Amino acid sequence: MFHQLGPHTGAALDVRTAAALGGCLPSQAASALDQLAAAQLVVEAGPQSYVLHDLVRLYARSLSPGHDREGLLRLLDHWLRTLLAACAAAEPGSEPCCALPDGVRRAAPVRPFADRADALAWFSAERDALRGAVESAVAAGLHDRAWRLVLLQWPLIVWQVRDGWVPLLERALACAEADGDPGAQSRARALLGWVLSEEGRPEEALAQLELAPDLAALAGDANAEAIARINLAVALVRAGERARPAELLGAALPLAERAGRPDTAALAHQHLTEHLLTVGASEAAVDHAVRGLALAAPPAAAPRRVVLRTLYGEALAATGRRGEAVRQLDDALREARAHAYEEGESAARAALAALTER
């Protein structure tokens, strides 16, 4: 077991990851780790959780350099399978952004995730280890693993969008290009463009986002094309364009429907509602908010429902239906509090305050 720990990329080490590295059962990994802890080569940090010092890990790697690539593949593929499970828990009902690569290893069971909060906490805790895994994959020429390791972190990326993700996403894009995968390139550009837009870098964002829809179409990925069009539309709105965003969002709806993705269609309705409010088309905004809410089924889509309900309240207020608007905004506020969605709670409260001031 100690000889197999070298490819690990983080300080924290759980039993399942150790089992993946060692190509053994979790029970065997737990027994070996207990012995290593007794020898002070790893430090027990909690139930089935250990800490591996960098110098010790490098020493382990030096003992079996010939096995590093196979052990690295087992580790990377374990990370990928765990990331897919975390995505499913963080964004229930959402489409996986990629499939597992060919020849994936299935060396050990992945940890279960209780709910969205549990998954997001895991994403955050393992961020440094995952970044190290990406660099190890790139160094080994495993580009098909590297871009997946980045893109499968999307629930945390969109949740903490202004937290320095650009270099990692640029790495993912380079790996997707090296892998020759247009679908991966589209998703990487769409996500990178979104992050750049949120960071207030509109020209760089549009340079990425303009290319994403055609790459998705080339890959035959209707849902990715819909998302790429939505992200481009939002960036154009922020850049001050008024006509083209509605065209892009309108085109995203049939693409999402063709792909059978109500979550993506709800996202398109959300941004159409917001855009229509901006240009003064409040009745049309009401219609799209209602349609979006019908598609954003609780509880999985709670944050999106909060945003849509807040926009619905604002659209109702713009059409003069003040009482209905207050009810929708009150509901948005309650739902945001129930799901600890602080940003949504602030937006709903601000909309209510603006309404009561009129």
Foldseek 3Di string as FASTA:
>chain_A
DLLQLQLQQFFKDFLQLQQLSVLHESVVSVVVVVVCCVVVQWPDDDVRMITHDPVSSNVSCVVCVVCNVVSLLSNLLLLLVQLVQLLCQQQPPDDQLDDRDPPRDDRGDHDHADHNVRSLVVLVVCVSRLLRSLVVCVVVVVLVSNLSSLLSSVSNCVVPVQPPCQVSLVSSLVSCVVVVQLSSNLSSLLSNLLSCLVVVNLVSSLVSLVPNLVSCVVNVNLQSNLSSLQSNLVSVVVVPDQPSSVVSLVVSQVSCVVVVHLLSNLSSLLVNLVSCVVVLVLVVSLVSLVSSLVSQDPDSNLVSVLSSLLSNLVSCVSVVNNVSSLVSLVVSLVSCVVVVVVVSNVSSVVSNVVSVVD
